[in-house]
C-alpha atoms as a PDB file:
ATOM      1  CA  MET A   1       7.369  15.538  -6.954  1.00  0.00           C
ATOM      2  CA  GLN A   2      10.214  13.776  -5.386  1.00  0.00           C
ATOM      3  CA  SER A   3      13.145  15.267  -3.924  1.00  0.00           C
ATOM      4  CA  PRO A   4      15.679  13.367  -1.764  1.00  0.00           C
ATOM      5  CA  ILE A   5      17.241  15.366   0.860  1.00  0.00           C
ATOM      6  CA  PRO A   6      20.003  14.654   3.046  1.00  0.00           C
ATOM      7  CA  MET A   7      19.152  13.293   6.798  1.00  0.00           C
ATOM      8  CA  ARG A   8      21.199  13.693   9.828  1.00  0.00           C
ATOM      9  CA  LYS A   9      20.905  10.293  11.282  1.00  0.00           C
ATOM     10  CA  LEU A  10      18.624   7.426  11.553  1.00  0.00           C
ATOM     11  CA  ILE A  11      18.674   5.329  14.500  1.00  0.00           C
ATOM     12  CA  PRO A  12      16.881   1.887  14.216  1.00  0.00           C
ATOM     13  CA  VAL A  13      15.276   0.605  17.733  1.00  0.00           C
ATOM     14  CA  ALA A  14      14.574  -2.833  17.890  1.00  0.00           C
ATOM     15  CA  MET A  15      12.606  -2.409  14.756  1.00  0.00           C
ATOM     16  CA  THR A  16      10.163  -0.480  16.203  1.00  0.00           C
ATOM     17  CA  ALA A  17      11.393   3.084  15.755  1.00  0.00           C
ATOM     18  CA  LEU A  18      13.618   5.357  13.684  1.00  0.00           C
ATOM     19  CA  SER A  19      14.298   8.870  14.673  1.00  0.00           C
ATOM     20  CA  ALA A  20      16.501  11.912  13.799  1.00  0.00           C
ATOM     21  CA  ALA A  21      19.624  12.636  15.745  1.00  0.00           C
ATOM     22  CA  GLY A  22      22.621  14.940  15.487  1.00  0.00           C
ATOM     23  CA  ALA A  23      25.111  15.228  12.482  1.00  0.00           C
ATOM     24  CA  CYS A  24      26.748  12.155  11.402  1.00  0.00           C
ATOM     25  CA  ALA A  25      30.143  11.780  12.355  1.00  0.00           C
ATOM     26  CA  GLN A  26      32.967  11.593   9.706  1.00  0.00           C
ATOM     27  CA  GLY A  27      33.077   8.033   7.990  1.00  0.00           C
ATOM     28  CA  SER A  28      29.734   6.720   9.561  1.00  0.00           C
ATOM     29  CA  PRO A  29      27.467   4.908   7.376  1.00  0.00           C
ATOM     30  CA  PRO A  30      25.504   6.833   4.773  1.00  0.00           C
ATOM     31  CA  SER A  31      21.833   7.380   5.446  1.00  0.00           C
ATOM     32  CA  SER A  32      19.154   9.121   3.076  1.00  0.00           C
ATOM     33  CA  VAL A  33      15.627  10.474   3.267  1.00  0.00           C
ATOM     34  CA  ALA A  34      13.339  11.165   0.573  1.00  0.00           C
ATOM     35  CA  LEU A  35      10.729  13.691   0.901  1.00  0.00           C
ATOM     36  CA  TYR A  36       7.880  13.316  -1.843  1.00  0.00           C
ATOM     37  CA  GLY A  37       4.019  13.894  -2.670  1.00  0.00           C
ATOM     38  CA  VAL A  38       1.110  14.321  -4.874  1.00  0.00           C
ATOM     39  CA  VAL A  39      -1.318  17.459  -4.572  1.00  0.00           C
ATOM     40  CA  ASP A  40      -4.352  16.934  -6.465  1.00  0.00           C
ATOM     41  CA  ALA A  41      -7.168  19.250  -7.116  1.00  0.00           C
ATOM     42  CA  CYS A  42      -9.801  20.076  -9.713  1.00  0.00           C
ATOM     43  CA  LEU A  43     -12.757  22.570 -10.549  1.00  0.00           C
ATOM     44  CA  VAL A  44     -15.883  20.783 -11.490  1.00  0.00           C
ATOM     45  CA  SER A  45     -19.162  21.971 -13.224  1.00  0.00           C
ATOM     46  CA  HIS A  46     -22.033  20.135 -12.935  1.00  0.00           C
ATOM     47  CA  ARG A  47     -25.527  20.696 -14.810  1.00  0.00           C
ATOM     48  CA  SER A  48     -28.579  18.852 -14.590  1.00  0.00           C
ATOM     49  CA  ALA A  49     -32.564  19.247 -14.789  1.00  0.00           C
ATOM     50  CA  ASN A  50     -32.351  20.864 -11.216  1.00  0.00           C
ATOM     51  CA  GLY A  51     -29.761  23.405 -12.192  1.00  0.00           C
ATOM     52  CA  ALA A  52     -26.108  24.061 -12.092  1.00  0.00           C
ATOM     53  CA  SER A  53     -23.373  24.157  -9.577  1.00  0.00           C
ATOM     54  CA  ALA A  54     -19.724  24.519  -9.542  1.00  0.00           C
ATOM     55  CA  GLN A  55     -17.174  22.986  -7.057  1.00  0.00           C
ATOM     56  CA  LEU A  56     -13.577  22.734  -6.282  1.00  0.00           C
ATOM     57  CA  ASN A  57     -12.371  19.194  -5.260  1.00  0.00           C
ATOM     58  CA  GLY A  58      -9.531  17.470  -3.917  1.00  0.00           C
ATOM     59  CA  ASN A  59      -8.296  13.865  -5.000  1.00  0.00           C
ATOM     60  CA  CYS A  60      -9.995  14.033  -8.436  1.00  0.00           C
ATOM     61  CA  PHE A  61      -7.757  11.867 -10.193  1.00  0.00           C
ATOM     62  CA  TYR A  62      -5.115  10.762  -7.439  1.00  0.00           C
ATOM     63  CA  GLY A  63      -5.071  10.700  -3.786  1.00  0.00           C
ATOM     64  CA  SER A  64      -3.045  13.782  -2.355  1.00  0.00           C
ATOM     65  CA  ARG A  65      -0.414  12.619  -0.063  1.00  0.00           C
ATOM     66  CA  PHE A  66       3.074  13.676   1.261  1.00  0.00           C
ATOM     67  CA  GLY A  67       5.407  11.096   2.757  1.00  0.00           C
ATOM     68  CA  LEU A  68       8.806  10.264   3.822  1.00  0.00           C
ATOM     69  CA  ARG A  69      10.817   7.077   3.090  1.00  0.00           C
ATOM     70  CA  GLY A  70      14.611   6.426   4.212  1.00  0.00           C
ATOM     71  CA  SER A  71      17.308   4.259   4.876  1.00  0.00           C
ATOM     72  CA  GLU A  72      20.616   3.620   6.954  1.00  0.00           C
ATOM     73  CA  ASP A  73      23.478   1.354   6.306  1.00  0.00           C
ATOM     74  CA  LEU A  74      24.142  -0.639   9.167  1.00  0.00           C
ATOM     75  CA  GLY A  75      26.901  -2.572   7.611  1.00  0.00           C
ATOM     76  CA  GLY A  76      27.372  -6.154   6.470  1.00  0.00           C
ATOM     77  CA  GLY A  77      24.680  -5.548   3.726  1.00  0.00           C
ATOM     78  CA  LEU A  78      21.846  -4.803   6.051  1.00  0.00           C
ATOM     79  CA  ARG A  79      19.845  -1.523   6.010  1.00  0.00           C
ATOM     80  CA  ALA A  80      17.235  -0.046   8.436  1.00  0.00           C
ATOM     81  CA  ILE A  81      14.188   1.211   6.231  1.00  0.00           C
ATOM     82  CA  PHE A  82      11.111   3.213   7.089  1.00  0.00           C
ATOM     83  CA  GLY A  83       8.115   4.721   5.383  1.00  0.00           C
ATOM     84  CA  LEU A  84       5.699   7.101   6.449  1.00  0.00           C
ATOM     85  CA  GLU A  85       2.743   8.664   4.036  1.00  0.00           C
ATOM     86  CA  SER A  86       0.034  10.911   4.794  1.00  0.00           C
ATOM     87  CA  GLY A  87      -3.256  11.607   2.874  1.00  0.00           C
ATOM     88  CA  PHE A  88      -5.173  14.877   2.751  1.00  0.00           C
ATOM     89  CA  ALA A  89      -7.621  16.491   0.952  1.00  0.00           C
ATOM     90  CA  THR A  90      -6.445  19.211  -1.002  1.00  0.00           C
ATOM     91  CA  ASP A  91      -9.844  21.490  -1.082  1.00  0.00           C
ATOM     92  CA  THR A  92     -10.167  21.357   2.736  1.00  0.00           C
ATOM     93  CA  GLY A  93      -6.877  20.400   4.104  1.00  0.00           C
ATOM     94  CA  MET A  94      -8.548  17.785   6.240  1.00  0.00           C
ATOM     95  CA  PRO A  95      -6.622  14.508   6.619  1.00  0.00           C
ATOM     96  CA  GLY A  96      -7.552  11.238   4.771  1.00  0.00           C
ATOM     97  CA  GLN A  97      -7.966   7.546   5.750  1.00  0.00           C
ATOM     98  CA  GLY A  98     -10.468   8.740   8.511  1.00  0.00           C
ATOM     99  CA  GLY A  99      -8.359  10.985  10.261  1.00  0.00           C
ATOM    100  CA  ARG A 100      -5.391   8.876  10.645  1.00  0.00           C
ATOM    101  CA  PHE A 101      -1.916  11.170  10.450  1.00  0.00           C
ATOM    102  CA  PHE A 102       0.086   8.436   8.584  1.00  0.00           C
ATOM    103  CA  GLY A 103      -2.937   6.786   7.371  1.00  0.00           C
ATOM    104  CA  ARG A 104      -1.564   5.633   3.947  1.00  0.00           C
ATOM    105  CA  ARG A 105       1.683   3.897   5.308  1.00  0.00           C
ATOM    106  CA  SER A 106       3.596   3.601   8.392  1.00  0.00           C
ATOM    107  CA  THR A 107       6.608   1.177   8.550  1.00  0.00           C
ATOM    108  CA  VAL A 108       9.786   0.227   9.573  1.00  0.00           C
ATOM    109  CA  GLY A 109      11.995  -2.492   8.943  1.00  0.00           C
ATOM    110  CA  LEU A 110      15.520  -4.189   7.487  1.00  0.00           C
ATOM    111  CA  ALA A 111      16.385  -5.099   4.191  1.00  0.00           C
ATOM    112  CA  GLY A 112      19.365  -6.657   2.682  1.00  0.00           C
ATOM    113  CA  ASP A 113      20.218  -9.699   0.280  1.00  0.00           C
ATOM    114  CA  PHE A 114      17.379 -11.675   2.029  1.00  0.00           C
ATOM    115  CA  GLY A 115      14.874  -9.214   0.725  1.00  0.00           C
ATOM    116  CA  SER A 116      13.050  -6.876   3.206  1.00  0.00           C
ATOM    117  CA  LEU A 117      11.115  -7.408   6.462  1.00  0.00           C
ATOM    118  CA  GLU A 118       8.684  -4.627   7.614  1.00  0.00           C
ATOM    119  CA  LEU A 119       6.088  -4.018  10.438  1.00  0.00           C
ATOM    120  CA  GLY A 120       3.276  -1.673  10.637  1.00  0.00           C
ATOM    121  CA  ARG A 121       0.361  -0.373   8.477  1.00  0.00           C
ATOM    122  CA  GLU A 122       0.678  -1.242   4.356  1.00  0.00           C
ATOM    123  CA  LEU A 123      -0.979  -1.861   1.393  1.00  0.00           C
ATOM    124  CA  PRO A 124      -1.857  -5.606   0.870  1.00  0.00           C
ATOM    125  CA  PRO A 125       0.072  -8.005  -1.503  1.00  0.00           C
ATOM    126  CA  PRO A 126      -2.569  -7.775  -4.229  1.00  0.00           C
ATOM    127  CA  HIS A 127      -2.598  -4.132  -4.605  1.00  0.00           C
ATOM    128  CA  PHE A 128       0.819  -3.992  -5.688  1.00  0.00           C
ATOM    129  CA  LEU A 129       0.082  -6.626  -8.404  1.00  0.00           C
ATOM    130  CA  ILE A 130      -3.191  -4.922  -9.657  1.00  0.00           C
ATOM    131  CA  SER A 131      -1.522  -1.288  -9.592  1.00  0.00           C
ATOM    132  CA  SER A 132       1.339  -2.427 -11.801  1.00  0.00           C
ATOM    133  CA  ILE A 133      -0.942  -3.969 -14.278  1.00  0.00           C
ATOM    134  CA  ASP A 134      -3.591  -1.358 -14.127  1.00  0.00           C
ATOM    135  CA  PRO A 135      -3.338   1.024 -17.176  1.00  0.00           C
ATOM    136  CA  MET A 136      -5.023   3.840 -15.289  1.00  0.00           C
ATOM    137  CA  GLN A 137      -2.601   3.425 -12.183  1.00  0.00           C
ATOM    138  CA  LEU A 138      -5.153   3.562  -9.643  1.00  0.00           C
ATOM    139  CA  GLY A 139      -6.682   6.814 -11.239  1.00  0.00           C
ATOM    140  CA  ILE A 140     -10.025   7.526 -12.734  1.00  0.00           C
ATOM    141  CA  GLY A 141     -11.511   4.112 -14.358  1.00  0.00           C
ATOM    142  CA  SER A 142      -8.913   2.159 -12.166  1.00  0.00           C
ATOM    143  CA  ALA A 143      -9.361  -1.549 -11.923  1.00  0.00           C
ATOM    144  CA  SER A 144      -9.350  -1.165  -8.061  1.00  0.00           C
ATOM    145  CA  ALA A 145     -12.991   0.264  -8.500  1.00  0.00           C
ATOM    146  CA  THR A 146     -13.898  -3.149  -8.966  1.00  0.00           C
ATOM    147  CA  LEU A 147     -11.004  -5.291  -7.939  1.00  0.00           C
ATOM    148  CA  TRP A 148     -10.567  -6.074  -4.089  1.00  0.00           C
ATOM    149  CA  THR A 149      -6.979  -5.313  -3.157  1.00  0.00           C
ATOM    150  CA  GLY A 150      -7.266  -7.560  -0.142  1.00  0.00           C
ATOM    151  CA  SER A 151      -7.813  -5.561   3.140  1.00  0.00           C
ATOM    152  CA  PRO A 152     -10.066  -5.174   5.685  1.00  0.00           C
ATOM    153  CA  SER A 153     -13.436  -3.233   4.890  1.00  0.00           C
ATOM    154  CA  THR A 154     -12.865  -0.629   7.366  1.00  0.00           C
ATOM    155  CA  SER A 155      -9.124   0.302   6.776  1.00  0.00           C
ATOM    156  CA  SER A 156      -9.145   2.665   3.767  1.00  0.00           C
ATOM    157  CA  GLY A 157      -7.491  -0.012   1.628  1.00  0.00           C
ATOM    158  CA  ARG A 158      -4.599  -0.810   4.221  1.00  0.00           C
ATOM    159  CA  THR A 159      -3.852  -3.245   6.643  1.00  0.00           C
ATOM    160  CA  ASP A 160      -2.971  -2.438  10.436  1.00  0.00           C
ATOM    161  CA  ASN A 161      -0.573  -4.426  12.412  1.00  0.00           C
ATOM    162  CA  SER A 162       1.139  -6.209   9.301  1.00  0.00           C
ATOM    163  CA  VAL A 163       4.426  -8.215   8.972  1.00  0.00           C
ATOM    164  CA  ILE A 164       5.570  -7.894   5.497  1.00  0.00           C
ATOM    165  CA  TYR A 165       8.370 -10.018   3.511  1.00  0.00           C
ATOM    166  CA  VAL A 166       9.268  -9.026  -0.127  1.00  0.00           C
ATOM    167  CA  SER A 167      11.983 -11.676  -1.477  1.00  0.00           C
ATOM    168  CA  PRO A 168      14.788 -10.428  -3.541  1.00  0.00           C
ATOM    169  CA  ALA A 169      13.999 -11.050  -7.499  1.00  0.00           C
ATOM    170  CA  PHE A 170      14.829 -14.958  -8.651  1.00  0.00           C
ATOM    171  CA  SER A 171      14.944 -15.311 -12.436  1.00  0.00           C
ATOM    172  CA  GLY A 172      12.395 -12.415 -12.778  1.00  0.00           C
ATOM    173  CA  LEU A 173      10.433 -13.997  -9.941  1.00  0.00           C
ATOM    174  CA  THR A 174       9.282 -11.985  -6.663  1.00  0.00           C
ATOM    175  CA  ALA A 175       7.041 -13.129  -3.926  1.00  0.00           C
ATOM    176  CA  ARG A 176       5.259 -10.460  -1.341  1.00  0.00           C
ATOM    177  CA  VAL A 177       3.661 -12.067   2.027  1.00  0.00           C
ATOM    178  CA  GLN A 178       1.728 -10.123   4.525  1.00  0.00           C
ATOM    179  CA  ILE A 179       0.337 -11.537   7.816  1.00  0.00           C
ATOM    180  CA  ALA A 180      -1.397  -9.114  10.256  1.00  0.00           C
ATOM    181  CA  PRO A 181      -3.287 -10.341  13.717  1.00  0.00           C
ATOM    182  CA  GLY A 182      -6.809  -9.119  13.999  1.00  0.00           C
ATOM    183  CA  GLU A 183      -5.710  -8.432  17.708  1.00  0.00           C
ATOM    184  CA  GLN A 184      -9.426  -9.417  19.246  1.00  0.00           C
ATOM    185  CA  THR A 185     -10.090 -10.214  22.710  1.00  0.00           C
ATOM    186  CA  GLU A 186     -12.767 -12.245  24.268  1.00  0.00           C
ATOM    187  CA  PRO A 187     -15.483 -12.687  23.677  1.00  0.00           C
ATOM    188  CA  LEU A 188     -14.443 -12.205  20.349  1.00  0.00           C
ATOM    189  CA  SER A 189     -12.295 -15.077  18.530  1.00  0.00           C
ATOM    190  CA  SER A 190      -8.739 -14.850  19.000  1.00  0.00           C
ATOM    191  CA  ARG A 191      -8.334 -15.130  15.442  1.00  0.00           C
ATOM    192  CA  GLY A 192     -11.058 -12.846  14.347  1.00  0.00           C
ATOM    193  CA  GLY A 193     -10.085  -9.986  11.693  1.00  0.00           C
ATOM    194  CA  ASP A 194      -6.790 -12.165  11.019  1.00  0.00           C
ATOM    195  CA  THR A 195      -5.472 -10.773   7.249  1.00  0.00           C
ATOM    196  CA  LYS A 196      -3.036 -12.733   5.134  1.00  0.00           C
ATOM    197  CA  GLY A 197      -2.037 -11.865   1.573  1.00  0.00           C
ATOM    198  CA  LEU A 198       0.202 -13.323  -0.697  1.00  0.00           C
ATOM    199  CA  THR A 199       1.525 -12.647  -4.620  1.00  0.00           C
ATOM    200  CA  LEU A 200       4.114 -14.109  -6.998  1.00  0.00           C
ATOM    201  CA  THR A 201       5.336 -11.709  -9.954  1.00  0.00           C
ATOM    202  CA  TYR A 202       7.442 -12.255 -13.001  1.00  0.00           C
ATOM    203  CA  ARG A 203       8.742  -9.430 -14.798  1.00  0.00           C
ATOM    204  CA  ASP A 204      11.150  -9.183 -17.579  1.00  0.00           C
ATOM    205  CA  LYS A 205      11.830  -6.499 -20.198  1.00  0.00           C
ATOM    206  CA  SER A 206       8.335  -6.834 -21.835  1.00  0.00           C
ATOM    207  CA  LEU A 207       6.145  -8.989 -19.825  1.00  0.00           C
ATOM    208  CA  LEU A 208       4.754  -8.449 -16.130  1.00  0.00           C
ATOM    209  CA  ALA A 209       2.682 -11.420 -14.827  1.00  0.00           C
ATOM    210  CA  GLY A 210       1.593 -12.329 -11.433  1.00  0.00           C
ATOM    211  CA  ILE A 211      -1.195 -13.898  -9.247  1.00  0.00           C
ATOM    212  CA  GLY A 212      -2.121 -13.381  -5.695  1.00  0.00           C
ATOM    213  CA  HIS A 213      -4.512 -14.360  -2.909  1.00  0.00           C
ATOM    214  CA  ALA A 214      -5.771 -12.589   0.062  1.00  0.00           C
ATOM    215  CA  THR A 215      -8.226 -13.449   3.172  1.00  0.00           C
ATOM    216  CA  VAL A 216      -9.617 -11.410   5.835  1.00  0.00           C
ATOM    217  CA  ARG A 217     -11.572 -13.273   8.812  1.00  0.00           C
ATOM    218  CA  ASN A 218     -14.472 -11.530  10.422  1.00  0.00           C
ATOM    219  CA  PRO A 219     -14.133 -10.279  13.966  1.00  0.00           C
ATOM    220  CA  THR A 220     -16.084 -13.280  15.105  1.00  0.00           C
ATOM    221  CA  GLY A 221     -13.886 -15.600  13.471  1.00  0.00           C
ATOM    222  CA  THR A 222     -17.089 -17.184  11.887  1.00  0.00           C
ATOM    223  CA  GLY A 223     -16.567 -15.849   8.216  1.00  0.00           C
ATOM    224  CA  THR A 224     -13.616 -14.998   5.561  1.00  0.00           C
ATOM    225  CA  ASP A 225     -13.363 -12.966   2.665  1.00  0.00           C
ATOM    226  CA  ARG A 226     -11.137 -14.426   0.029  1.00  0.00           C
ATOM    227  CA  ALA A 227     -10.069 -13.672  -3.440  1.00  0.00           C
ATOM    228  CA  THR A 228      -7.705 -14.555  -5.965  1.00  0.00           C
ATOM    229  CA  THR A 229      -6.284 -12.362  -8.694  1.00  0.00           C
ATOM    230  CA  ALA A 230      -4.349 -12.906 -11.940  1.00  0.00           C
ATOM    231  CA  GLY A 231      -2.950 -10.585 -14.204  1.00  0.00           C
ATOM    232  CA  ALA A 232      -0.467  -9.737 -16.935  1.00  0.00           C
ATOM    233  CA  LYS A 233       0.729  -6.811 -18.952  1.00  0.00           C
ATOM    234  CA  TYR A 234       2.652  -6.868 -22.144  1.00  0.00           C
ATOM    235  CA  ASP A 235       4.696  -3.867 -23.559  1.00  0.00           C
ATOM    236  CA  PHE A 236       5.057  -3.616 -27.364  1.00  0.00           C
ATOM    237  CA  GLY A 237       7.116  -0.435 -26.889  1.00  0.00           C
ATOM    238  CA  GLY A 238       4.553   2.042 -28.573  1.00  0.00           C
ATOM    239  CA  PHE A 239       1.635   0.624 -26.455  1.00  0.00           C
ATOM    240  CA  SER A 240       0.942  -2.252 -23.875  1.00  0.00           C
ATOM    241  CA  LEU A 241      -2.004  -4.490 -23.237  1.00  0.00           C
ATOM    242  CA  SER A 242      -3.317  -5.337 -19.690  1.00  0.00           C
ATOM    243  CA  ALA A 243      -5.641  -8.124 -18.321  1.00  0.00           C
ATOM    244  CA  LEU A 244      -6.769  -8.716 -14.867  1.00  0.00           C
ATOM    245  CA  ALA A 245      -9.169 -11.238 -13.412  1.00  0.00           C
ATOM    246  CA  GLN A 246     -10.541 -12.002  -9.874  1.00  0.00           C
ATOM    247  CA  PHE A 247     -12.674 -14.422  -8.341  1.00  0.00           C
ATOM    248  CA  GLY A 248     -13.707 -15.003  -4.505  1.00  0.00           C
ATOM    249  CA  ALA A 249     -16.229 -14.751  -2.191  1.00  0.00           C
ATOM    250  CA  TRP A 250     -17.432 -12.382   0.857  1.00  0.00           C
ATOM    251  CA  GLU A 251     -18.401 -13.961   4.386  1.00  0.00           C
ATOM    252  CA  GLY A 252     -21.925 -14.356   5.203  1.00  0.00           C
ATOM    253  CA  SER A 253     -22.263 -11.619   7.459  1.00  0.00           C
ATOM    254  CA  ARG A 254     -21.196  -9.014   5.124  1.00  0.00           C
ATOM    255  CA  THR A 255     -23.781  -6.242   3.964  1.00  0.00           C
ATOM    256  CA  GLN A 256     -21.606  -4.418   1.560  1.00  0.00           C
ATOM    257  CA  GLN A 257     -20.832  -6.307  -1.743  1.00  0.00           C
ATOM    258  CA  ALA A 258     -16.955  -6.087  -1.369  1.00  0.00           C
ATOM    259  CA  PRO A 259     -14.557  -4.368   0.819  1.00  0.00           C
ATOM    260  CA  SER A 260     -13.001  -1.559   0.077  1.00  0.00           C
ATOM    261  CA  SER A 261      -9.671  -0.689  -1.999  1.00  0.00           C
ATOM    262  CA  ALA A 262      -7.237   1.788  -1.561  1.00  0.00           C
ATOM    263  CA  THR A 263      -7.253   5.259  -2.974  1.00  0.00           C
END
């Protein structure tokens, strides 16, 4: 569900905040905000040798969420942009992503002919490559259940403290870069927890193809999760074919097989 609604005014403040203010004066630059969301629930019946049970579950196929995204024309081809997205469980109303109010996304930035530059909590670049090619679109049976999307293992598939740049398209090619400092303090390594990601994607009428790389250092700075992902999707009109491959290595102190991916 997506329903644009008019916004009174957006005020960018040093790329760190956008807030609603009084009604726009006549002739001021146009602004817009879109409210969107997904509400997902299902009834589940389970039978086994031990008996039967029935449950009402949330987030059965896709993660329930509501969000706001908006922009304001600053003139000269420059726009202020923001995105806020909150996850929740439909069956209980409890917040998702570890209880973070805007745990799915919280970004603010600028966009123009140069592309876009945003700051905040956002999905890593390989996520956008994988989700675009994945025929299940992050639903049941999604490729993200087995492929790492490039985020720290404790962040619900997102990356905090991110600086994200997305280039304009050049002959179908688009680059997405994300750098996020781990913000560790002594005695931990100053570079511990640093996260980096990059994807290069080609898109035309029928073909989508791309390659990406992501790294996440552990808090002590002694090891790094790293993975390279490649994929392609070709649309034949009535059907499409998709393929994804990934190879990488997890740092030695890890106790789980792979970091988490987004839901």
